Amino acid sequence: MVTTLKISGMSCAHCTRAVFTALSGVPGIARADVRIGTAEVEHDGTVTLDALKQAVETAGYSVIDADENRRVLPQL
């Protein structure tokens, strides 16, 4: 499953590292591709949107929108 997050407050490489590090700590995440303003998170489907939002908020940013694509399977 892939969830795409739109994140506010990110403006530099440090921001992307902070969000990546926070998301990496969430159990069930296989991959996180973080860019300024967005994060594409591939996970096993057990990860909730609230858990993703909480991780981003822990890094100091806010999720302003999210799109879940349940049809995409994680790549092995």
C-alpha atoms as a PDB file:
ATOM      1  CA  MET A   1       0.000   0.000   0.000  1.00  0.00           C
ATOM      2  CA  VAL A   2       1.210   3.510  -0.751  1.00  0.00           C
ATOM      3  CA  THR A   3       0.169   6.657   1.085  1.00  0.00           C
ATOM      4  CA  THR A   4       1.128  10.060  -0.295  1.00  0.00           C
ATOM      5  CA  LEU A   5       1.291  12.890   2.218  1.00  0.00           C
ATOM      6  CA  LYS A   6       1.293  16.625   1.504  1.00  0.00           C
ATOM      7  CA  ILE A   7       3.300  18.276   4.260  1.00  0.00           C
ATOM      8  CA  SER A   8       3.435  21.950   5.208  1.00  0.00           C
ATOM      9  CA  GLY A   9       6.398  23.736   6.706  1.00  0.00           C
ATOM     10  CA  MET A  10       9.168  21.897   4.865  1.00  0.00           C
ATOM     11  CA  SER A  11      11.669  24.127   3.080  1.00  0.00           C
ATOM     12  CA  CYS A  12      15.096  22.468   3.020  1.00  0.00           C
ATOM     13  CA  ALA A  13      17.108  19.244   2.998  1.00  0.00           C
ATOM     14  CA  HIS A  14      17.163  19.207   6.812  1.00  0.00           C
ATOM     15  CA  CYS A  15      13.352  19.161   6.759  1.00  0.00           C
ATOM     16  CA  THR A  16      13.271  16.144   4.466  1.00  0.00           C
ATOM     17  CA  ARG A  17      15.786  14.284   6.656  1.00  0.00           C
ATOM     18  CA  ALA A  18      13.771  15.037   9.797  1.00  0.00           C
ATOM     19  CA  VAL A  19      10.544  13.731   8.245  1.00  0.00           C
ATOM     20  CA  PHE A  20      12.311  10.685   6.777  1.00  0.00           C
ATOM     21  CA  THR A  21      13.815   9.831  10.159  1.00  0.00           C
ATOM     22  CA  ALA A  22      10.453  10.217  11.908  1.00  0.00           C
ATOM     23  CA  LEU A  23       8.637   8.045   9.350  1.00  0.00           C
ATOM     24  CA  SER A  24      11.365   5.395   9.455  1.00  0.00           C
ATOM     25  CA  GLY A  25      10.516   4.776  13.092  1.00  0.00           C
ATOM     26  CA  VAL A  26       6.932   3.731  12.332  1.00  0.00           C
ATOM     27  CA  PRO A  27       6.568  -0.086  12.309  1.00  0.00           C
ATOM     28  CA  GLY A  28       5.267  -1.466   9.007  1.00  0.00           C
ATOM     29  CA  ILE A  29       6.867   1.106   6.716  1.00  0.00           C
ATOM     30  CA  ALA A  30       8.922  -0.472   3.942  1.00  0.00           C
ATOM     31  CA  ARG A  31      10.049   2.739   2.193  1.00  0.00           C
ATOM     32  CA  ALA A  32       9.618   6.480   2.509  1.00  0.00           C
ATOM     33  CA  ASP A  33      10.466   8.842  -0.351  1.00  0.00           C
ATOM     34  CA  VAL A  34      10.490  12.310   1.211  1.00  0.00           C
ATOM     35  CA  ARG A  35      10.808  15.515  -0.800  1.00  0.00           C
ATOM     36  CA  ILE A  36      10.137  19.093   0.179  1.00  0.00           C
ATOM     37  CA  GLY A  37       6.387  19.273   0.747  1.00  0.00           C
ATOM     38  CA  THR A  38       5.568  15.600   0.114  1.00  0.00           C
ATOM     39  CA  ALA A  39       6.252  12.081   1.288  1.00  0.00           C
ATOM     40  CA  GLU A  40       5.367   8.864  -0.500  1.00  0.00           C
ATOM     41  CA  VAL A  41       5.226   6.067   2.053  1.00  0.00           C
ATOM     42  CA  GLU A  42       5.099   2.399   1.065  1.00  0.00           C
ATOM     43  CA  HIS A  43       3.835   0.195   3.883  1.00  0.00           C
ATOM     44  CA  ASP A  44       2.261  -3.149   4.678  1.00  0.00           C
ATOM     45  CA  GLY A  45      -1.268  -1.777   5.197  1.00  0.00           C
ATOM     46  CA  THR A  46      -1.221  -1.996   8.995  1.00  0.00           C
ATOM     47  CA  VAL A  47       0.060   1.571   9.285  1.00  0.00           C
ATOM     48  CA  THR A  48      -2.700   4.060  10.026  1.00  0.00           C
ATOM     49  CA  LEU A  49      -2.930   7.555   8.641  1.00  0.00           C
ATOM     50  CA  ASP A  50      -2.924   8.814  12.233  1.00  0.00           C
ATOM     51  CA  ALA A  51       0.428   7.082  12.866  1.00  0.00           C
ATOM     52  CA  LEU A  52       1.899   8.755   9.768  1.00  0.00           C
ATOM     53  CA  LYS A  53       0.530  12.157  10.784  1.00  0.00           C
ATOM     54  CA  GLN A  54       1.856  11.743  14.309  1.00  0.00           C
ATOM     55  CA  ALA A  55       5.343  10.894  13.009  1.00  0.00           C
ATOM     56  CA  VAL A  56       5.356  13.968  10.750  1.00  0.00           C
ATOM     57  CA  GLU A  57       4.139  16.158  13.616  1.00  0.00           C
ATOM     58  CA  THR A  58       6.878  14.756  15.866  1.00  0.00           C
ATOM     59  CA  ALA A  59       9.367  16.023  13.279  1.00  0.00           C
ATOM     60  CA  GLY A  60       7.772  19.480  13.558  1.00  0.00           C
ATOM     61  CA  TYR A  61       5.601  19.608  10.423  1.00  0.00           C
ATOM     62  CA  SER A  62       1.922  19.187   9.513  1.00  0.00           C
ATOM     63  CA  VAL A  63       0.139  16.854   7.118  1.00  0.00           C
ATOM     64  CA  ILE A  64      -2.328  18.949   5.132  1.00  0.00           C
ATOM     65  CA  ASP A  65      -3.602  16.202   2.815  1.00  0.00           C
ATOM     66  CA  ALA A  66      -3.200  12.467   2.311  1.00  0.00           C
ATOM     67  CA  ASP A  67      -4.031  10.020  -0.450  1.00  0.00           C
ATOM     68  CA  GLU A  68      -4.094   6.272   0.188  1.00  0.00           C
ATOM     69  CA  ASN A  69      -3.696   3.824  -2.673  1.00  0.00           C
ATOM     70  CA  ARG A  70      -4.615   0.389  -1.360  1.00  0.00           C
ATOM     71  CA  ARG A  71      -4.182  -1.245  -4.785  1.00  0.00           C
ATOM     72  CA  VAL A  72      -0.406  -0.864  -4.811  1.00  0.00           C
ATOM     73  CA  LEU A  73       1.422  -3.769  -3.211  1.00  0.00           C
ATOM     74  CA  PRO A  74       4.811  -3.313  -1.582  1.00  0.00           C
ATOM     75  CA  GLN A  75       7.688  -4.471  -3.784  1.00  0.00           C
ATOM     76  CA  LEU A  76       9.843  -7.239  -2.387  1.00  0.00           C
END
